[in-house]
Amino acid sequence: MKIKATKPLVKDGVEYPYYAVSMSMSPVWKPDLGCSVSIRLTPFRETQDGAMDKLVQHPVAVSIIDVFAENNGDEHLETAIAQIMSKLQDLVDNKKL
């Protein structure tokens, strides 16, 4: 799955317009059950022959100890994680897990 970068990385005059996403979520065990999130976005481009040219040495990293903690200050991340959790709930419901 590729994510289009809003500000593509340019390295040696070559634009890398996409990110490959690696994401990890873990529970934060406390009375209201939080969520720790780590996201690594690796810039890449598709070459003319269809190969993936990636820049693994230039990742963008996002790491939050508890996304839903009061005053964490990142409403965009909180909204994204809430939407992901909602879709995961749909998956659990639909698969009757």
Protein backbone atom coordinates (compact mmCIF):
# COMPACT_ATOMS: atom_id res chain seq x y z
CA MET A 1 0.00 0.00 0.00
CA LYS A 2 1.43 3.35 -0.92
CA ILE A 3 0.69 6.69 0.66
CA LYS A 4 1.23 9.83 -1.40
CA ALA A 5 3.54 12.31 0.34
CA THR A 6 2.35 15.91 0.68
CA LYS A 7 5.98 17.06 0.52
CA PRO A 8 7.87 14.46 -1.51
CA LEU A 9 11.49 13.89 -0.59
CA VAL A 10 13.96 14.95 -3.29
CA LYS A 11 17.33 13.21 -3.14
CA ASP A 12 20.04 13.92 -5.73
CA GLY A 13 17.44 15.58 -7.95
CA VAL A 14 15.11 12.57 -7.87
CA GLU A 15 11.65 12.86 -6.32
CA TYR A 16 10.31 10.14 -4.03
CA PRO A 17 6.55 10.87 -3.99
CA TYR A 18 5.30 7.93 -1.91
CA TYR A 19 5.65 6.39 1.53
CA ALA A 20 5.56 2.72 2.44
CA VAL A 21 4.01 2.39 5.88
CA SER A 22 5.08 0.28 8.83
CA MET A 23 2.85 0.72 11.86
CA SER A 24 2.69 -0.80 15.31
CA MET A 25 0.00 -0.24 17.94
CA SER A 26 0.11 -1.55 21.49
CA PRO A 27 -2.23 -1.14 24.45
CA VAL A 28 -1.27 1.15 27.30
CA TRP A 29 -2.63 -0.74 30.29
CA LYS A 30 -4.32 1.78 32.57
CA PRO A 31 -7.91 2.33 33.75
CA ASP A 32 -9.06 3.91 30.47
CA LEU A 33 -6.85 1.71 28.20
CA GLY A 34 -4.63 3.89 26.05
CA CYS A 35 -2.86 3.21 22.76
CA SER A 36 0.85 3.48 21.99
CA VAL A 37 1.64 4.01 18.30
CA SER A 38 4.80 3.87 16.24
CA ILE A 39 4.72 4.68 12.52
CA ARG A 40 7.63 4.55 10.08
CA LEU A 41 7.13 6.09 6.63
CA THR A 42 9.77 5.02 4.10
CA PRO A 43 10.04 7.25 1.00
CA PHE A 44 9.98 5.46 -2.35
CA ARG A 45 9.32 5.95 -6.03
CA GLU A 46 8.32 3.68 -8.87
CA THR A 47 10.89 3.49 -11.66
CA GLN A 48 9.98 3.32 -15.35
CA ASP A 49 10.49 -0.44 -15.34
CA GLY A 50 8.09 -0.84 -12.39
CA ALA A 51 10.73 -1.42 -9.71
CA MET A 52 10.54 0.23 -6.28
CA ASP A 53 13.41 2.59 -5.49
CA LYS A 54 13.24 3.14 -1.74
CA LEU A 55 15.18 5.34 0.67
CA VAL A 56 15.28 3.23 3.82
CA GLN A 57 17.94 5.53 5.28
CA HIS A 58 15.51 8.53 5.20
CA PRO A 59 12.38 7.43 7.09
CA VAL A 60 9.86 9.73 8.69
CA ALA A 61 9.01 8.49 12.17
CA VAL A 62 5.99 9.17 14.37
CA SER A 63 5.94 7.75 17.88
CA ILE A 64 3.40 8.52 20.60
CA ILE A 65 3.36 6.82 24.01
CA ASP A 66 -0.41 7.28 24.48
CA VAL A 67 -2.39 8.66 21.55
CA PHE A 68 -5.53 9.29 23.56
CA ALA A 69 -3.87 10.79 26.65
CA GLU A 70 -5.14 14.23 27.60
CA ASN A 71 -2.95 17.05 26.22
CA ASN A 72 -0.99 14.87 23.81
CA GLY A 73 -1.53 17.66 21.29
CA ASP A 74 -1.91 15.72 18.05
CA GLU A 75 -5.57 15.70 17.07
CA HIS A 76 -4.80 14.47 13.53
CA LEU A 77 -3.06 11.36 14.85
CA GLU A 78 -5.80 10.79 17.43
CA THR A 79 -8.48 10.99 14.70
CA ALA A 80 -6.54 8.64 12.39
CA ILE A 81 -6.06 6.04 15.14
CA ALA A 82 -9.72 6.29 16.18
CA GLN A 83 -10.73 5.62 12.56
CA ILE A 84 -8.35 2.66 12.31
CA MET A 85 -9.71 1.23 15.57
CA SER A 86 -13.27 1.63 14.26
CA LYS A 87 -12.40 -0.29 11.09
CA LEU A 88 -10.70 -3.00 13.15
CA GLN A 89 -13.87 -3.31 15.23
CA ASP A 90 -15.83 -3.71 11.99
CA LEU A 91 -13.43 -6.49 10.95
CA VAL A 92 -13.84 -8.29 14.30
CA ASP A 93 -17.62 -7.95 14.08
CA ASN A 94 -17.83 -9.12 10.45
CA LYS A 95 -15.54 -12.09 11.02
CA LYS A 96 -17.33 -12.89 14.30
CA LEU A 97 -14.04 -13.03 16.19
